[in-house]
PDB file of N, CA and C in Angstrom:
ATOM      1  N   MET A   1       1.811  12.695 -10.536  1.00  0.00           N
ATOM      2  CA  MET A   1       1.615  11.376 -10.006  1.00  0.00           C
ATOM      3  C   MET A   1       1.840  10.374 -11.136  1.00  0.00           C
ATOM      4  N   ILE A   2       2.519   9.286 -10.829  1.00  0.00           N
ATOM      5  CA  ILE A   2       2.737   8.208 -11.789  1.00  0.00           C
ATOM      6  C   ILE A   2       1.898   7.007 -11.368  1.00  0.00           C
ATOM      7  N   LEU A   3       1.089   6.513 -12.289  1.00  0.00           N
ATOM      8  CA  LEU A   3       0.303   5.306 -12.053  1.00  0.00           C
ATOM      9  C   LEU A   3       0.960   4.149 -12.789  1.00  0.00           C
ATOM     10  N   TYR A   4       1.045   3.020 -12.132  1.00  0.00           N
ATOM     11  CA  TYR A   4       1.632   1.823 -12.714  1.00  0.00           C
ATOM     12  C   TYR A   4       0.548   0.781 -12.966  1.00  0.00           C
ATOM     13  N   PRO A   5       0.122   0.603 -14.217  1.00  0.00           N
ATOM     14  CA  PRO A   5      -0.792  -0.502 -14.476  1.00  0.00           C
ATOM     15  C   PRO A   5      -0.017  -1.804 -14.295  1.00  0.00           C
ATOM     16  N   ALA A   6      -0.707  -2.844 -13.894  1.00  0.00           N
ATOM     17  CA  ALA A   6      -0.027  -4.107 -13.603  1.00  0.00           C
ATOM     18  C   ALA A   6      -0.543  -5.234 -14.477  1.00  0.00           C
ATOM     19  N   ILE A   7       0.395  -6.060 -14.891  1.00  0.00           N
ATOM     20  CA  ILE A   7       0.074  -7.321 -15.550  1.00  0.00           C
ATOM     21  C   ILE A   7       0.595  -8.417 -14.637  1.00  0.00           C
ATOM     22  N   ASP A   8      -0.308  -9.210 -14.087  1.00  0.00           N
ATOM     23  CA  ASP A   8       0.061 -10.370 -13.270  1.00  0.00           C
ATOM     24  C   ASP A   8       0.084 -11.577 -14.189  1.00  0.00           C
ATOM     25  N   LEU A   9       1.234 -12.232 -14.267  1.00  0.00           N
ATOM     26  CA  LEU A   9       1.408 -13.365 -15.180  1.00  0.00           C
ATOM     27  C   LEU A   9       1.375 -14.696 -14.436  1.00  0.00           C
ATOM     28  N   LYS A  10       0.559 -15.586 -14.948  1.00  0.00           N
ATOM     29  CA  LYS A  10       0.516 -16.972 -14.453  1.00  0.00           C
ATOM     30  C   LYS A  10       0.432 -17.871 -15.669  1.00  0.00           C
ATOM     31  N   ASP A  11       1.412 -18.737 -15.811  1.00  0.00           N
ATOM     32  CA  ASP A  11       1.435 -19.684 -16.933  1.00  0.00           C
ATOM     33  C   ASP A  11       1.325 -18.979 -18.288  1.00  0.00           C
ATOM     34  N   GLY A  12       1.928 -17.783 -18.393  1.00  0.00           N
ATOM     35  CA  GLY A  12       2.003 -17.067 -19.654  1.00  0.00           C
ATOM     36  C   GLY A  12       0.811 -16.212 -20.022  1.00  0.00           C
ATOM     37  N   VAL A  13      -0.174 -16.109 -19.139  1.00  0.00           N
ATOM     38  CA  VAL A  13      -1.350 -15.280 -19.424  1.00  0.00           C
ATOM     39  C   VAL A  13      -1.563 -14.258 -18.311  1.00  0.00           C
ATOM     40  N   CYS A  14      -2.354 -13.231 -18.601  1.00  0.00           N
ATOM     41  CA  CYS A  14      -2.652 -12.162 -17.646  1.00  0.00           C
ATOM     42  C   CYS A  14      -3.818 -12.589 -16.757  1.00  0.00           C
ATOM     43  N   VAL A  15      -3.598 -12.567 -15.448  1.00  0.00           N
ATOM     44  CA  VAL A  15      -4.618 -13.034 -14.515  1.00  0.00           C
ATOM     45  C   VAL A  15      -4.783 -12.066 -13.347  1.00  0.00           C
ATOM     46  N   ARG A  16      -5.822 -12.289 -12.591  1.00  0.00           N
ATOM     47  CA  ARG A  16      -6.011 -11.717 -11.259  1.00  0.00           C
ATOM     48  C   ARG A  16      -6.346 -12.885 -10.349  1.00  0.00           C
ATOM     49  N   LEU A  17      -5.739 -12.896  -9.191  1.00  0.00           N
ATOM     50  CA  LEU A  17      -5.999 -13.957  -8.226  1.00  0.00           C
ATOM     51  C   LEU A  17      -7.141 -13.556  -7.300  1.00  0.00           C
ATOM     52  N   LYS A  18      -7.951 -14.514  -6.943  1.00  0.00           N
ATOM     53  CA  LYS A  18      -9.015 -14.287  -5.969  1.00  0.00           C
ATOM     54  C   LYS A  18      -8.435 -14.570  -4.590  1.00  0.00           C
ATOM     55  N   LYS A  19      -8.414 -13.565  -3.739  1.00  0.00           N
ATOM     56  CA  LYS A  19      -7.892 -13.672  -2.378  1.00  0.00           C
ATOM     57  C   LYS A  19      -6.458 -14.195  -2.339  1.00  0.00           C
ATOM     58  N   GLY A  20      -5.683 -13.905  -3.404  1.00  0.00           N
ATOM     59  CA  GLY A  20      -4.283 -14.296  -3.431  1.00  0.00           C
ATOM     60  C   GLY A  20      -4.032 -15.779  -3.639  1.00  0.00           C
ATOM     61  N   LEU A  21      -5.026 -16.511  -4.083  1.00  0.00           N
ATOM     62  CA  LEU A  21      -4.900 -17.959  -4.253  1.00  0.00           C
ATOM     63  C   LEU A  21      -4.591 -18.300  -5.714  1.00  0.00           C
ATOM     64  N   MET A  22      -3.478 -18.997  -5.925  1.00  0.00           N
ATOM     65  CA  MET A  22      -3.068 -19.342  -7.290  1.00  0.00           C
ATOM     66  C   MET A  22      -4.111 -20.196  -8.010  1.00  0.00           C
ATOM     67  N   HIS A  23      -4.770 -21.076  -7.300  1.00  0.00           N
ATOM     68  CA  HIS A  23      -5.757 -21.940  -7.960  1.00  0.00           C
ATOM     69  C   HIS A  23      -7.081 -21.223  -8.221  1.00  0.00           C
ATOM     70  N   GLU A  24      -7.171 -19.955  -7.815  1.00  0.00           N
ATOM     71  CA  GLU A  24      -8.382 -19.155  -8.054  1.00  0.00           C
ATOM     72  C   GLU A  24      -8.057 -17.965  -8.944  1.00  0.00           C
ATOM     73  N   ALA A  25      -7.438 -18.239 -10.087  1.00  0.00           N
ATOM     74  CA  ALA A  25      -7.030 -17.180 -11.010  1.00  0.00           C
ATOM     75  C   ALA A  25      -8.084 -16.989 -12.097  1.00  0.00           C
ATOM     76  N   THR A  26      -8.388 -15.728 -12.386  1.00  0.00           N
ATOM     77  CA  THR A  26      -9.270 -15.376 -13.490  1.00  0.00           C
ATOM     78  C   THR A  26      -8.398 -14.827 -14.612  1.00  0.00           C
ATOM     79  N   VAL A  27      -8.497 -15.405 -15.799  1.00  0.00           N
ATOM     80  CA  VAL A  27      -7.729 -14.929 -16.951  1.00  0.00           C
ATOM     81  C   VAL A  27      -8.430 -13.694 -17.517  1.00  0.00           C
ATOM     82  N   PHE A  28      -7.654 -12.602 -17.624  1.00  0.00           N
ATOM     83  CA  PHE A  28      -8.191 -11.374 -18.183  1.00  0.00           C
ATOM     84  C   PHE A  28      -7.745 -11.157 -19.621  1.00  0.00           C
ATOM     85  N   ASN A  29      -6.605 -11.713 -19.972  1.00  0.00           N
ATOM     86  CA  ASN A  29      -6.130 -11.604 -21.347  1.00  0.00           C
ATOM     87  C   ASN A  29      -5.122 -12.724 -21.564  1.00  0.00           C
ATOM     88  N   ASP A  30      -5.290 -13.483 -22.630  1.00  0.00           N
ATOM     89  CA  ASP A  30      -4.342 -14.565 -22.901  1.00  0.00           C
ATOM     90  C   ASP A  30      -3.173 -14.098 -23.765  1.00  0.00           C
ATOM     91  N   ASP A  31      -3.119 -12.790 -24.046  1.00  0.00           N
ATOM     92  CA  ASP A  31      -2.037 -12.211 -24.839  1.00  0.00           C
ATOM     93  C   ASP A  31      -1.405 -11.057 -24.059  1.00  0.00           C
ATOM     94  N   PRO A  32      -0.358 -11.322 -23.283  1.00  0.00           N
ATOM     95  CA  PRO A  32       0.261 -10.274 -22.477  1.00  0.00           C
ATOM     96  C   PRO A  32       0.762  -9.088 -23.299  1.00  0.00           C
ATOM     97  N   ALA A  33       1.278  -9.329 -24.501  1.00  0.00           N
ATOM     98  CA  ALA A  33       1.750  -8.228 -25.342  1.00  0.00           C
ATOM     99  C   ALA A  33       0.595  -7.307 -25.727  1.00  0.00           C
ATOM    100  N   ALA A  34      -0.545  -7.886 -26.055  1.00  0.00           N
ATOM    101  CA  ALA A  34      -1.722  -7.075 -26.397  1.00  0.00           C
ATOM    102  C   ALA A  34      -2.168  -6.250 -25.196  1.00  0.00           C
ATOM    103  N   GLN A  35      -2.119  -6.841 -24.011  1.00  0.00           N
ATOM    104  CA  GLN A  35      -2.498  -6.100 -22.804  1.00  0.00           C
ATOM    105  C   GLN A  35      -1.545  -4.931 -22.576  1.00  0.00           C
ATOM    106  N   ALA A  36      -0.258  -5.166 -22.784  1.00  0.00           N
ATOM    107  CA  ALA A  36       0.732  -4.097 -22.623  1.00  0.00           C
ATOM    108  C   ALA A  36       0.490  -2.976 -23.636  1.00  0.00           C
ATOM    109  N   ARG A  37       0.182  -3.335 -24.873  1.00  0.00           N
ATOM    110  CA  ARG A  37      -0.119  -2.311 -25.888  1.00  0.00           C
ATOM    111  C   ARG A  37      -1.357  -1.511 -25.501  1.00  0.00           C
ATOM    112  N   THR A  38      -2.337  -2.171 -24.922  1.00  0.00           N
ATOM    113  CA  THR A  38      -3.551  -1.467 -24.475  1.00  0.00           C
ATOM    114  C   THR A  38      -3.206  -0.439 -23.412  1.00  0.00           C
ATOM    115  N   PHE A  39      -2.389  -0.830 -22.431  1.00  0.00           N
ATOM    116  CA  PHE A  39      -1.993   0.119 -21.392  1.00  0.00           C
ATOM    117  C   PHE A  39      -1.231   1.296 -21.991  1.00  0.00           C
ATOM    118  N   LYS A  40      -0.336   1.035 -22.937  1.00  0.00           N
ATOM    119  CA  LYS A  40       0.407   2.129 -23.569  1.00  0.00           C
ATOM    120  C   LYS A  40      -0.546   3.052 -24.325  1.00  0.00           C
ATOM    121  N   ALA A  41      -1.484   2.473 -25.064  1.00  0.00           N
ATOM    122  CA  ALA A  41      -2.450   3.271 -25.830  1.00  0.00           C
ATOM    123  C   ALA A  41      -3.315   4.135 -24.914  1.00  0.00           C
ATOM    124  N   GLN A  42      -3.517   3.691 -23.675  1.00  0.00           N
ATOM    125  CA  GLN A  42      -4.301   4.464 -22.715  1.00  0.00           C
ATOM    126  C   GLN A  42      -3.489   5.603 -22.095  1.00  0.00           C
ATOM    127  N   GLY A  43      -2.212   5.690 -22.455  1.00  0.00           N
ATOM    128  CA  GLY A  43      -1.396   6.804 -22.005  1.00  0.00           C
ATOM    129  C   GLY A  43      -0.475   6.527 -20.825  1.00  0.00           C
ATOM    130  N   PHE A  44      -0.443   5.305 -20.354  1.00  0.00           N
ATOM    131  CA  PHE A  44       0.456   4.990 -19.241  1.00  0.00           C
ATOM    132  C   PHE A  44       1.906   5.090 -19.700  1.00  0.00           C
ATOM    133  N   GLN A  45       2.787   5.479 -18.795  1.00  0.00           N
ATOM    134  CA  GLN A  45       4.190   5.679 -19.129  1.00  0.00           C
ATOM    135  C   GLN A  45       5.099   4.615 -18.523  1.00  0.00           C
ATOM    136  N   TRP A  46       4.581   3.779 -17.682  1.00  0.00           N
ATOM    137  CA  TRP A  46       5.315   2.704 -17.031  1.00  0.00           C
ATOM    138  C   TRP A  46       4.426   1.477 -16.997  1.00  0.00           C
ATOM    139  N   LEU A  47       5.049   0.309 -16.779  1.00  0.00           N
ATOM    140  CA  LEU A  47       4.286  -0.926 -16.633  1.00  0.00           C
ATOM    141  C   LEU A  47       4.905  -1.752 -15.514  1.00  0.00           C
ATOM    142  N   HIS A  48       4.057  -2.325 -14.697  1.00  0.00           N
ATOM    143  CA  HIS A  48       4.494  -3.210 -13.616  1.00  0.00           C
ATOM    144  C   HIS A  48       4.037  -4.621 -13.965  1.00  0.00           C
ATOM    145  N   CYS A  49       4.960  -5.587 -13.961  1.00  0.00           N
ATOM    146  CA  CYS A  49       4.621  -6.986 -14.235  1.00  0.00           C
ATOM    147  C   CYS A  49       4.968  -7.833 -13.016  1.00  0.00           C
ATOM    148  N   VAL A  50       4.091  -8.751 -12.700  1.00  0.00           N
ATOM    149  CA  VAL A  50       4.301  -9.668 -11.585  1.00  0.00           C
ATOM    150  C   VAL A  50       4.364 -11.082 -12.131  1.00  0.00           C
ATOM    151  N   ASP A  51       5.446 -11.778 -11.825  1.00  0.00           N
ATOM    152  CA  ASP A  51       5.611 -13.174 -12.221  1.00  0.00           C
ATOM    153  C   ASP A  51       5.090 -14.037 -11.066  1.00  0.00           C
ATOM    154  N   LEU A  52       3.834 -14.399 -11.139  1.00  0.00           N
ATOM    155  CA  LEU A  52       3.221 -15.153 -10.043  1.00  0.00           C
ATOM    156  C   LEU A  52       3.828 -16.542  -9.889  1.00  0.00           C
ATOM    157  N   ASN A  53       4.163 -17.198 -11.001  1.00  0.00           N
ATOM    158  CA  ASN A  53       4.802 -18.515 -10.895  1.00  0.00           C
ATOM    159  C   ASN A  53       6.127 -18.396 -10.156  1.00  0.00           C
ATOM    160  N   GLY A  54       6.885 -17.368 -10.476  1.00  0.00           N
ATOM    161  CA  GLY A  54       8.155 -17.151  -9.796  1.00  0.00           C
ATOM    162  C   GLY A  54       7.959 -16.853  -8.326  1.00  0.00           C
ATOM    163  N   ALA A  55       6.946 -16.045  -8.013  1.00  0.00           N
ATOM    164  CA  ALA A  55       6.693 -15.670  -6.619  1.00  0.00           C
ATOM    165  C   ALA A  55       6.197 -16.856  -5.790  1.00  0.00           C
ATOM    166  N   PHE A  56       5.329 -17.676  -6.364  1.00  0.00           N
ATOM    167  CA  PHE A  56       4.735 -18.774  -5.608  1.00  0.00           C
ATOM    168  C   PHE A  56       5.582 -20.048  -5.652  1.00  0.00           C
ATOM    169  N   ASP A  57       6.162 -20.334  -6.829  1.00  0.00           N
ATOM    170  CA  ASP A  57       6.848 -21.608  -7.020  1.00  0.00           C
ATOM    171  C   ASP A  57       8.370 -21.494  -6.990  1.00  0.00           C
ATOM    172  N   GLY A  58       8.868 -20.265  -7.012  1.00  0.00           N
ATOM    173  CA  GLY A  58      10.308 -20.075  -6.993  1.00  0.00           C
ATOM    174  C   GLY A  58      10.979 -20.283  -8.340  1.00  0.00           C
ATOM    175  N   ARG A  59      10.197 -20.471  -9.381  1.00  0.00           N
ATOM    176  CA  ARG A  59      10.752 -20.585 -10.729  1.00  0.00           C
ATOM    177  C   ARG A  59       9.758 -19.998 -11.723  1.00  0.00           C
ATOM    178  N   SER A  60      10.304 -19.299 -12.697  1.00  0.00           N
ATOM    179  CA  SER A  60       9.461 -18.633 -13.675  1.00  0.00           C
ATOM    180  C   SER A  60       9.165 -19.523 -14.862  1.00  0.00           C
ATOM    181  N   VAL A  61       7.960 -19.425 -15.338  1.00  0.00           N
ATOM    182  CA  VAL A  61       7.585 -20.032 -16.614  1.00  0.00           C
ATOM    183  C   VAL A  61       7.054 -18.948 -17.554  1.00  0.00           C
ATOM    184  N   ASN A  62       7.334 -17.692 -17.200  1.00  0.00           N
ATOM    185  CA  ASN A  62       6.769 -16.561 -17.933  1.00  0.00           C
ATOM    186  C   ASN A  62       7.788 -15.780 -18.758  1.00  0.00           C
ATOM    187  N   ALA A  63       8.952 -16.357 -19.004  1.00  0.00           N
ATOM    188  CA  ALA A  63       9.992 -15.632 -19.746  1.00  0.00           C
ATOM    189  C   ALA A  63       9.513 -15.218 -21.137  1.00  0.00           C
ATOM    190  N   GLU A  64       8.825 -16.101 -21.828  1.00  0.00           N
ATOM    191  CA  GLU A  64       8.344 -15.762 -23.177  1.00  0.00           C
ATOM    192  C   GLU A  64       7.305 -14.648 -23.131  1.00  0.00           C
ATOM    193  N   ALA A  65       6.457 -14.661 -22.116  1.00  0.00           N
ATOM    194  CA  ALA A  65       5.457 -13.592 -21.976  1.00  0.00           C
ATOM    195  C   ALA A  65       6.146 -12.255 -21.731  1.00  0.00           C
ATOM    196  N   ILE A  66       7.157 -12.243 -20.882  1.00  0.00           N
ATOM    197  CA  ILE A  66       7.901 -11.009 -20.610  1.00  0.00           C
ATOM    198  C   ILE A  66       8.601 -10.529 -21.877  1.00  0.00           C
ATOM    199  N   LYS A  67       9.215 -11.450 -22.615  1.00  0.00           N
ATOM    200  CA  LYS A  67       9.873 -11.075 -23.872  1.00  0.00           C
ATOM    201  C   LYS A  67       8.871 -10.475 -24.852  1.00  0.00           C
ATOM    202  N   SER A  68       7.673 -11.043 -24.923  1.00  0.00           N
ATOM    203  CA  SER A  68       6.669 -10.517 -25.851  1.00  0.00           C
ATOM    204  C   SER A  68       6.204  -9.130 -25.431  1.00  0.00           C
ATOM    205  N   ILE A  69       6.102  -8.902 -24.118  1.00  0.00           N
ATOM    206  CA  ILE A  69       5.734  -7.571 -23.623  1.00  0.00           C
ATOM    207  C   ILE A  69       6.824  -6.569 -23.974  1.00  0.00           C
ATOM    208  N   ARG A  70       8.072  -6.933 -23.720  1.00  0.00           N
ATOM    209  CA  ARG A  70       9.193  -6.038 -24.015  1.00  0.00           C
ATOM    210  C   ARG A  70       9.261  -5.698 -25.499  1.00  0.00           C
ATOM    211  N   ALA A  71       8.954  -6.655 -26.362  1.00  0.00           N
ATOM    212  CA  ALA A  71       8.985  -6.415 -27.813  1.00  0.00           C
ATOM    213  C   ALA A  71       7.806  -5.553 -28.265  1.00  0.00           C
ATOM    214  N   ALA A  72       6.712  -5.592 -27.509  1.00  0.00           N
ATOM    215  CA  ALA A  72       5.485  -4.900 -27.932  1.00  0.00           C
ATOM    216  C   ALA A  72       5.454  -3.419 -27.564  1.00  0.00           C
ATOM    217  N   ILE A  73       6.161  -3.045 -26.500  1.00  0.00           N
ATOM    218  CA  ILE A  73       6.107  -1.657 -26.026  1.00  0.00           C
ATOM    219  C   ILE A  73       7.508  -1.155 -25.718  1.00  0.00           C
ATOM    220  N   ASP A  74       7.624   0.170 -25.696  1.00  0.00           N
ATOM    221  CA  ASP A  74       8.905   0.779 -25.351  1.00  0.00           C
ATOM    222  C   ASP A  74       8.859   1.482 -23.996  1.00  0.00           C
ATOM    223  N   LEU A  75       7.908   1.089 -23.166  1.00  0.00           N
ATOM    224  CA  LEU A  75       7.787   1.667 -21.835  1.00  0.00           C
ATOM    225  C   LEU A  75       8.765   0.987 -20.875  1.00  0.00           C
ATOM    226  N   PRO A  76       9.209   1.705 -19.836  1.00  0.00           N
ATOM    227  CA  PRO A  76       9.975   1.041 -18.788  1.00  0.00           C
ATOM    228  C   PRO A  76       9.081   0.028 -18.075  1.00  0.00           C
ATOM    229  N   ILE A  77       9.660  -1.128 -17.766  1.00  0.00           N
ATOM    230  CA  ILE A  77       8.909  -2.215 -17.121  1.00  0.00           C
ATOM    231  C   ILE A  77       9.542  -2.545 -15.790  1.00  0.00           C
ATOM    232  N   GLN A  78       8.730  -2.515 -14.760  1.00  0.00           N
ATOM    233  CA  GLN A  78       9.159  -2.954 -13.427  1.00  0.00           C
ATOM    234  C   GLN A  78       8.695  -4.387 -13.273  1.00  0.00           C
ATOM    235  N   LEU A  79       9.645  -5.282 -12.972  1.00  0.00           N
ATOM    236  CA  LEU A  79       9.285  -6.700 -12.858  1.00  0.00           C
ATOM    237  C   LEU A  79       9.626  -7.201 -11.474  1.00  0.00           C
TER     238      LEU A  79
END
């Protein structure tokens, strides 16, 4: 079985939405690269990233966060 840990990105930080509402986001980590390294250190072999700004607003503001994640780990990333 393959488990995909997820990083949901909003405005460049890792969040979870309450009931799917963008204005009800809880920040879990303000460093997406550090979060990705944590998942790798825990033994995960894949990473799933969600660009919430892109999904909700139709335009991404998370390119730098994605680049930092890609530079931090060598795992395959599903975006």
